[in-house]
PDB file of N, CA and C in Angstrom:
ATOM      1  N   MET A   1     -12.402 -37.726 -42.465  1.00  0.00           N
ATOM      2  CA  MET A   1     -11.188 -38.434 -42.022  1.00  0.00           C
ATOM      3  C   MET A   1     -11.645 -39.585 -41.098  1.00  0.00           C
ATOM      4  N   THR A   2     -11.130 -40.871 -41.457  1.00  0.00           N
ATOM      5  CA  THR A   2     -11.372 -41.973 -40.572  1.00  0.00           C
ATOM      6  C   THR A   2     -10.522 -42.023 -39.413  1.00  0.00           C
ATOM      7  N   THR A   3     -10.931 -42.814 -38.458  1.00  0.00           N
ATOM      8  CA  THR A   3     -10.108 -42.975 -37.205  1.00  0.00           C
ATOM      9  C   THR A   3      -8.735 -43.537 -37.607  1.00  0.00           C
ATOM     10  N   ASN A   4      -8.688 -44.388 -38.538  1.00  0.00           N
ATOM     11  CA  ASN A   4      -7.336 -44.912 -38.980  1.00  0.00           C
ATOM     12  C   ASN A   4      -6.445 -43.730 -39.536  1.00  0.00           C
ATOM     13  N   ASP A   5      -7.087 -42.800 -40.336  1.00  0.00           N
ATOM     14  CA  ASP A   5      -6.306 -41.714 -40.875  1.00  0.00           C
ATOM     15  C   ASP A   5      -5.915 -40.805 -39.801  1.00  0.00           C
ATOM     16  N   ARG A   6      -6.609 -40.566 -38.754  1.00  0.00           N
ATOM     17  CA  ARG A   6      -6.242 -39.927 -37.497  1.00  0.00           C
ATOM     18  C   ARG A   6      -5.164 -40.413 -36.729  1.00  0.00           C
ATOM     19  N   LEU A   7      -5.217 -41.658 -36.627  1.00  0.00           N
ATOM     20  CA  LEU A   7      -4.145 -42.323 -35.959  1.00  0.00           C
ATOM     21  C   LEU A   7      -2.749 -42.308 -36.713  1.00  0.00           C
ATOM     22  N   ILE A   8      -2.899 -42.459 -38.049  1.00  0.00           N
ATOM     23  CA  ILE A   8      -1.643 -42.327 -38.840  1.00  0.00           C
ATOM     24  C   ILE A   8      -1.143 -40.926 -38.725  1.00  0.00           C
ATOM     25  N   ALA A   9      -2.076 -39.928 -38.868  1.00  0.00           N
ATOM     26  CA  ALA A   9      -1.606 -38.479 -38.810  1.00  0.00           C
ATOM     27  C   ALA A   9      -0.886 -38.191 -37.488  1.00  0.00           C
ATOM     28  N   TYR A  10      -1.467 -38.911 -36.398  1.00  0.00           N
ATOM     29  CA  TYR A  10      -0.933 -38.638 -35.003  1.00  0.00           C
ATOM     30  C   TYR A  10       0.520 -39.243 -35.008  1.00  0.00           C
ATOM     31  N   HIS A  11       0.735 -40.491 -35.429  1.00  0.00           N
ATOM     32  CA  HIS A  11       2.039 -41.144 -35.318  1.00  0.00           C
ATOM     33  C   HIS A  11       2.958 -40.428 -36.260  1.00  0.00           C
ATOM     34  N   LEU A  12       2.603 -40.006 -37.372  1.00  0.00           N
ATOM     35  CA  LEU A  12       3.491 -39.249 -38.333  1.00  0.00           C
ATOM     36  C   LEU A  12       3.965 -37.906 -37.631  1.00  0.00           C
ATOM     37  N   ALA A  13       3.158 -37.250 -36.955  1.00  0.00           N
ATOM     38  CA  ALA A  13       3.441 -36.048 -36.204  1.00  0.00           C
ATOM     39  C   ALA A  13       4.482 -36.362 -35.130  1.00  0.00           C
ATOM     40  N   ARG A  14       4.330 -37.540 -34.453  1.00  0.00           N
ATOM     41  CA  ARG A  14       5.197 -37.956 -33.488  1.00  0.00           C
ATOM     42  C   ARG A  14       6.570 -38.440 -33.888  1.00  0.00           C
ATOM     43  N   LEU A  15       6.728 -38.619 -35.114  1.00  0.00           N
ATOM     44  CA  LEU A  15       8.133 -38.922 -35.646  1.00  0.00           C
ATOM     45  C   LEU A  15       8.977 -37.617 -35.537  1.00  0.00           C
ATOM     46  N   GLU A  16       8.449 -36.494 -35.189  1.00  0.00           N
ATOM     47  CA  GLU A  16       9.254 -35.400 -35.128  1.00  0.00           C
ATOM     48  C   GLU A  16       9.597 -34.941 -33.590  1.00  0.00           C
ATOM     49  N   ASP A  17       9.085 -35.865 -32.780  1.00  0.00           N
ATOM     50  CA  ASP A  17       9.318 -35.724 -31.344  1.00  0.00           C
ATOM     51  C   ASP A  17      10.726 -35.656 -31.057  1.00  0.00           C
ATOM     52  N   LYS A  18      11.264 -34.929 -30.038  1.00  0.00           N
ATOM     53  CA  LYS A  18      12.649 -34.800 -29.681  1.00  0.00           C
ATOM     54  C   LYS A  18      13.087 -36.081 -28.914  1.00  0.00           C
ATOM     55  N   ASN A  19      12.191 -36.805 -28.341  1.00  0.00           N
ATOM     56  CA  ASN A  19      12.507 -38.069 -27.549  1.00  0.00           C
ATOM     57  C   ASN A  19      12.477 -39.272 -28.613  1.00  0.00           C
ATOM     58  N   PRO A  20      13.651 -39.893 -28.708  1.00  0.00           N
ATOM     59  CA  PRO A  20      13.720 -41.082 -29.655  1.00  0.00           C
ATOM     60  C   PRO A  20      12.736 -42.221 -29.336  1.00  0.00           C
ATOM     61  N   GLU A  21      12.588 -42.387 -27.992  1.00  0.00           N
ATOM     62  CA  GLU A  21      11.623 -43.499 -27.762  1.00  0.00           C
ATOM     63  C   GLU A  21      10.204 -43.296 -28.242  1.00  0.00           C
ATOM     64  N   ILE A  22       9.865 -42.071 -28.238  1.00  0.00           N
ATOM     65  CA  ILE A  22       8.540 -41.673 -28.925  1.00  0.00           C
ATOM     66  C   ILE A  22       8.508 -41.901 -30.308  1.00  0.00           C
ATOM     67  N   ARG A  23       9.585 -41.582 -30.978  1.00  0.00           N
ATOM     68  CA  ARG A  23       9.733 -41.805 -32.339  1.00  0.00           C
ATOM     69  C   ARG A  23       9.677 -43.401 -32.753  1.00  0.00           C
ATOM     70  N   LEU A  24      10.305 -44.087 -31.908  1.00  0.00           N
ATOM     71  CA  LEU A  24      10.515 -45.592 -32.053  1.00  0.00           C
ATOM     72  C   LEU A  24       9.139 -46.251 -31.969  1.00  0.00           C
ATOM     73  N   ARG A  25       8.250 -45.638 -30.898  1.00  0.00           N
ATOM     74  CA  ARG A  25       7.006 -46.306 -30.757  1.00  0.00           C
ATOM     75  C   ARG A  25       6.048 -45.951 -31.911  1.00  0.00           C
ATOM     76  N   SER A  26       6.283 -44.740 -32.380  1.00  0.00           N
ATOM     77  CA  SER A  26       5.359 -44.315 -33.591  1.00  0.00           C
ATOM     78  C   SER A  26       5.770 -45.054 -34.805  1.00  0.00           C
ATOM     79  N   ILE A  27       6.907 -45.359 -34.988  1.00  0.00           N
ATOM     80  CA  ILE A  27       7.427 -46.279 -36.158  1.00  0.00           C
ATOM     81  C   ILE A  27       6.810 -47.552 -36.106  1.00  0.00           C
ATOM     82  N   ALA A  28       6.806 -48.122 -34.913  1.00  0.00           N
ATOM     83  CA  ALA A  28       6.247 -49.468 -34.768  1.00  0.00           C
ATOM     84  C   ALA A  28       4.585 -49.470 -35.038  1.00  0.00           C
ATOM     85  N   GLU A  29       4.025 -48.365 -34.387  1.00  0.00           N
ATOM     86  CA  GLU A  29       2.518 -48.232 -34.739  1.00  0.00           C
ATOM     87  C   GLU A  29       2.302 -48.088 -36.148  1.00  0.00           C
ATOM     88  N   LEU A  30       2.992 -47.328 -36.868  1.00  0.00           N
ATOM     89  CA  LEU A  30       2.859 -47.151 -38.433  1.00  0.00           C
ATOM     90  C   LEU A  30       2.839 -48.549 -38.999  1.00  0.00           C
ATOM     91  N   VAL A  31       3.721 -49.320 -38.716  1.00  0.00           N
ATOM     92  CA  VAL A  31       3.778 -50.611 -39.376  1.00  0.00           C
ATOM     93  C   VAL A  31       2.656 -51.395 -39.042  1.00  0.00           C
ATOM     94  N   GLN A  32       2.191 -51.382 -37.655  1.00  0.00           N
ATOM     95  CA  GLN A  32       0.956 -52.096 -37.376  1.00  0.00           C
ATOM     96  C   GLN A  32      -0.209 -51.574 -38.060  1.00  0.00           C
ATOM     97  N   LEU A  33      -0.278 -50.284 -38.357  1.00  0.00           N
ATOM     98  CA  LEU A  33      -1.443 -49.736 -39.074  1.00  0.00           C
ATOM     99  C   LEU A  33      -1.328 -49.927 -40.589  1.00  0.00           C
ATOM    100  N   GLU A  34      -0.213 -50.549 -41.032  1.00  0.00           N
ATOM    101  CA  GLU A  34       0.077 -50.750 -42.366  1.00  0.00           C
ATOM    102  C   GLU A  34      -0.053 -49.403 -43.232  1.00  0.00           C
ATOM    103  N   ALA A  35       0.663 -48.400 -42.648  1.00  0.00           N
ATOM    104  CA  ALA A  35       0.526 -47.053 -43.280  1.00  0.00           C
ATOM    105  C   ALA A  35       1.503 -46.753 -44.276  1.00  0.00           C
ATOM    106  N   THR A  36       1.232 -47.294 -45.417  1.00  0.00           N
ATOM    107  CA  THR A  36       2.226 -47.073 -46.572  1.00  0.00           C
ATOM    108  C   THR A  36       2.535 -45.670 -46.857  1.00  0.00           C
ATOM    109  N   GLU A  37       1.543 -44.790 -46.455  1.00  0.00           N
ATOM    110  CA  GLU A  37       1.662 -43.387 -46.769  1.00  0.00           C
ATOM    111  C   GLU A  37       2.830 -42.800 -45.950  1.00  0.00           C
ATOM    112  N   ALA A  38       3.331 -43.633 -44.932  1.00  0.00           N
ATOM    113  CA  ALA A  38       4.483 -43.040 -44.000  1.00  0.00           C
ATOM    114  C   ALA A  38       5.676 -43.321 -44.664  1.00  0.00           C
ATOM    115  N   LEU A  39       5.859 -43.894 -45.876  1.00  0.00           N
ATOM    116  CA  LEU A  39       7.090 -44.209 -46.415  1.00  0.00           C
ATOM    117  C   LEU A  39       8.055 -42.963 -46.592  1.00  0.00           C
ATOM    118  N   PRO A  40       7.516 -41.856 -47.150  1.00  0.00           N
ATOM    119  CA  PRO A  40       8.468 -40.677 -47.229  1.00  0.00           C
ATOM    120  C   PRO A  40       8.991 -40.197 -45.866  1.00  0.00           C
ATOM    121  N   ALA A  41       8.096 -40.223 -44.762  1.00  0.00           N
ATOM    122  CA  ALA A  41       8.658 -39.744 -43.516  1.00  0.00           C
ATOM    123  C   ALA A  41       9.641 -40.724 -42.981  1.00  0.00           C
ATOM    124  N   LEU A  42       9.400 -41.949 -43.285  1.00  0.00           N
ATOM    125  CA  LEU A  42      10.466 -42.973 -42.648  1.00  0.00           C
ATOM    126  C   LEU A  42      11.750 -42.908 -43.457  1.00  0.00           C
ATOM    127  N   GLU A  43      11.700 -42.538 -44.810  1.00  0.00           N
ATOM    128  CA  GLU A  43      12.875 -42.255 -45.444  1.00  0.00           C
ATOM    129  C   GLU A  43      13.680 -41.053 -45.030  1.00  0.00           C
ATOM    130  N   THR A  44      12.941 -40.047 -44.552  1.00  0.00           N
ATOM    131  CA  THR A  44      13.627 -38.845 -43.880  1.00  0.00           C
ATOM    132  C   THR A  44      14.300 -39.204 -42.624  1.00  0.00           C
ATOM    133  N   LEU A  45      13.492 -40.014 -41.850  1.00  0.00           N
ATOM    134  CA  LEU A  45      14.264 -40.378 -40.549  1.00  0.00           C
ATOM    135  C   LEU A  45      15.327 -41.373 -40.836  1.00  0.00           C
ATOM    136  N   TYR A  46      15.356 -42.147 -41.760  1.00  0.00           N
ATOM    137  CA  TYR A  46      16.438 -43.136 -42.012  1.00  0.00           C
ATOM    138  C   TYR A  46      17.758 -42.289 -42.520  1.00  0.00           C
ATOM    139  N   PHE A  47      17.504 -41.161 -43.157  1.00  0.00           N
ATOM    140  CA  PHE A  47      18.736 -40.459 -43.810  1.00  0.00           C
ATOM    141  C   PHE A  47      19.016 -39.246 -42.780  1.00  0.00           C
ATOM    142  N   ASN A  48      18.115 -38.894 -41.826  1.00  0.00           N
ATOM    143  CA  ASN A  48      18.439 -37.608 -41.075  1.00  0.00           C
ATOM    144  C   ASN A  48      18.472 -37.816 -39.476  1.00  0.00           C
ATOM    145  N   ASP A  49      17.812 -38.844 -38.936  1.00  0.00           N
ATOM    146  CA  ASP A  49      17.678 -38.836 -37.587  1.00  0.00           C
ATOM    147  C   ASP A  49      18.961 -39.025 -36.873  1.00  0.00           C
ATOM    148  N   PRO A  50      19.168 -38.201 -35.737  1.00  0.00           N
ATOM    149  CA  PRO A  50      20.465 -38.386 -35.116  1.00  0.00           C
ATOM    150  C   PRO A  50      20.639 -39.654 -34.266  1.00  0.00           C
ATOM    151  N   ASP A  51      19.570 -40.359 -33.990  1.00  0.00           N
ATOM    152  CA  ASP A  51      19.551 -41.541 -33.194  1.00  0.00           C
ATOM    153  C   ASP A  51      19.845 -42.807 -34.129  1.00  0.00           C
ATOM    154  N   ALA A  52      20.770 -43.656 -33.867  1.00  0.00           N
ATOM    155  CA  ALA A  52      21.035 -44.755 -34.750  1.00  0.00           C
ATOM    156  C   ALA A  52      19.933 -45.806 -34.556  1.00  0.00           C
ATOM    157  N   GLN A  53      19.393 -46.042 -33.461  1.00  0.00           N
ATOM    158  CA  GLN A  53      18.252 -46.969 -33.388  1.00  0.00           C
ATOM    159  C   GLN A  53      17.053 -46.595 -34.129  1.00  0.00           C
ATOM    160  N   VAL A  54      16.704 -45.270 -34.109  1.00  0.00           N
ATOM    161  CA  VAL A  54      15.621 -44.792 -34.867  1.00  0.00           C
ATOM    162  C   VAL A  54      15.874 -44.979 -36.353  1.00  0.00           C
ATOM    163  N   ARG A  55      17.144 -44.744 -36.740  1.00  0.00           N
ATOM    164  CA  ARG A  55      17.431 -44.825 -38.199  1.00  0.00           C
ATOM    165  C   ARG A  55      17.355 -46.448 -38.589  1.00  0.00           C
ATOM    166  N   ARG A  56      17.701 -47.343 -37.752  1.00  0.00           N
ATOM    167  CA  ARG A  56      17.575 -48.699 -37.990  1.00  0.00           C
ATOM    168  C   ARG A  56      16.134 -49.131 -38.172  1.00  0.00           C
ATOM    169  N   GLU A  57      15.342 -48.705 -37.172  1.00  0.00           N
ATOM    170  CA  GLU A  57      13.895 -49.017 -37.216  1.00  0.00           C
ATOM    171  C   GLU A  57      13.173 -48.482 -38.319  1.00  0.00           C
ATOM    172  N   ALA A  58      13.628 -47.109 -38.693  1.00  0.00           N
ATOM    173  CA  ALA A  58      12.913 -46.569 -39.893  1.00  0.00           C
ATOM    174  C   ALA A  58      13.133 -47.363 -41.077  1.00  0.00           C
ATOM    175  N   LYS A  59      14.462 -47.848 -41.250  1.00  0.00           N
ATOM    176  CA  LYS A  59      14.780 -48.712 -42.420  1.00  0.00           C
ATOM    177  C   LYS A  59      14.036 -49.893 -42.382  1.00  0.00           C
ATOM    178  N   ARG A  60      13.887 -50.593 -41.302  1.00  0.00           N
ATOM    179  CA  ARG A  60      13.082 -51.823 -41.119  1.00  0.00           C
ATOM    180  C   ARG A  60      11.675 -51.660 -41.515  1.00  0.00           C
ATOM    181  N   ALA A  61      11.133 -50.560 -40.903  1.00  0.00           N
ATOM    182  CA  ALA A  61       9.654 -50.241 -41.191  1.00  0.00           C
ATOM    183  C   ALA A  61       9.493 -49.869 -42.637  1.00  0.00           C
ATOM    184  N   GLY A  62      10.344 -49.112 -43.139  1.00  0.00           N
ATOM    185  CA  GLY A  62      10.168 -48.769 -44.554  1.00  0.00           C
ATOM    186  C   GLY A  62      10.249 -50.002 -45.519  1.00  0.00           C
ATOM    187  N   ARG A  63      11.031 -50.931 -45.163  1.00  0.00           N
ATOM    188  CA  ARG A  63      11.116 -52.104 -46.050  1.00  0.00           C
ATOM    189  C   ARG A  63       9.796 -52.842 -45.929  1.00  0.00           C
ATOM    190  N   ALA A  64       9.314 -53.047 -44.670  1.00  0.00           N
ATOM    191  CA  ALA A  64       8.127 -53.853 -44.484  1.00  0.00           C
ATOM    192  C   ALA A  64       6.947 -53.071 -45.201  1.00  0.00           C
ATOM    193  N   LEU A  65       6.790 -51.809 -45.013  1.00  0.00           N
ATOM    194  CA  LEU A  65       5.690 -51.123 -45.674  1.00  0.00           C
ATOM    195  C   LEU A  65       5.907 -51.047 -47.262  1.00  0.00           C
ATOM    196  N   PHE A  66       7.133 -51.035 -47.687  1.00  0.00           N
ATOM    197  CA  PHE A  66       7.336 -50.990 -49.099  1.00  0.00           C
ATOM    198  C   PHE A  66       6.823 -52.275 -49.736  1.00  0.00           C
ATOM    199  N   LEU A  67       7.253 -53.369 -48.977  1.00  0.00           N
ATOM    200  CA  LEU A  67       6.838 -54.711 -49.522  1.00  0.00           C
ATOM    201  C   LEU A  67       5.329 -54.856 -49.555  1.00  0.00           C
ATOM    202  N   LEU A  68       4.646 -54.281 -48.457  1.00  0.00           N
ATOM    203  CA  LEU A  68       3.178 -54.315 -48.347  1.00  0.00           C
ATOM    204  C   LEU A  68       2.641 -53.493 -49.502  1.00  0.00           C
ATOM    205  N   ALA A  69       3.310 -52.341 -49.862  1.00  0.00           N
ATOM    206  CA  ALA A  69       2.753 -51.524 -50.931  1.00  0.00           C
ATOM    207  C   ALA A  69       2.797 -52.190 -52.236  1.00  0.00           C
ATOM    208  N   THR A  70       3.930 -52.906 -52.451  1.00  0.00           N
ATOM    209  CA  THR A  70       4.103 -53.534 -53.719  1.00  0.00           C
ATOM    210  C   THR A  70       3.155 -54.669 -53.937  1.00  0.00           C
ATOM    211  N   GLN A  71       2.741 -55.241 -52.896  1.00  0.00           N
ATOM    212  CA  GLN A  71       1.681 -56.312 -52.894  1.00  0.00           C
ATOM    213  C   GLN A  71       0.306 -55.744 -53.259  1.00  0.00           C
ATOM    214  N   HIS A  72       0.117 -54.428 -52.901  1.00  0.00           N
ATOM    215  CA  HIS A  72      -1.089 -53.689 -53.122  1.00  0.00           C
ATOM    216  C   HIS A  72      -0.796 -52.369 -53.791  1.00  0.00           C
ATOM    217  N   PRO A  73      -0.401 -52.386 -55.080  1.00  0.00           N
ATOM    218  CA  PRO A  73       0.018 -51.143 -55.793  1.00  0.00           C
ATOM    219  C   PRO A  73      -0.837 -50.056 -55.729  1.00  0.00           C
ATOM    220  N   SER A  74      -2.064 -50.185 -55.543  1.00  0.00           N
ATOM    221  CA  SER A  74      -3.133 -49.046 -55.547  1.00  0.00           C
ATOM    222  C   SER A  74      -2.918 -48.124 -54.253  1.00  0.00           C
ATOM    223  N   GLU A  75      -2.180 -48.629 -53.335  1.00  0.00           N
ATOM    224  CA  GLU A  75      -1.906 -47.928 -52.000  1.00  0.00           C
ATOM    225  C   GLU A  75      -0.773 -46.960 -52.112  1.00  0.00           C
ATOM    226  N   LEU A  76      -0.072 -47.079 -53.217  1.00  0.00           N
ATOM    227  CA  LEU A  76       1.109 -46.123 -53.224  1.00  0.00           C
ATOM    228  C   LEU A  76       0.718 -44.759 -53.729  1.00  0.00           C
TER     229      LEU A  76
END
């Protein structure tokens, strides 16, 4: 497992934190890491998170990562 993989796993786990600020920071980090594998988790946040700001950021991040994945289809 690479360092990048560990970072992605760390931030994916933090998407379940009860503090919305932690979830927001992890969403931003996943975008910076270009973690296209986070798309399913972001979709779950978008549809289920109780915090409206987290839902908005999950949507924004999901769109950015989806566009990135369509530019590099082998990453999906």
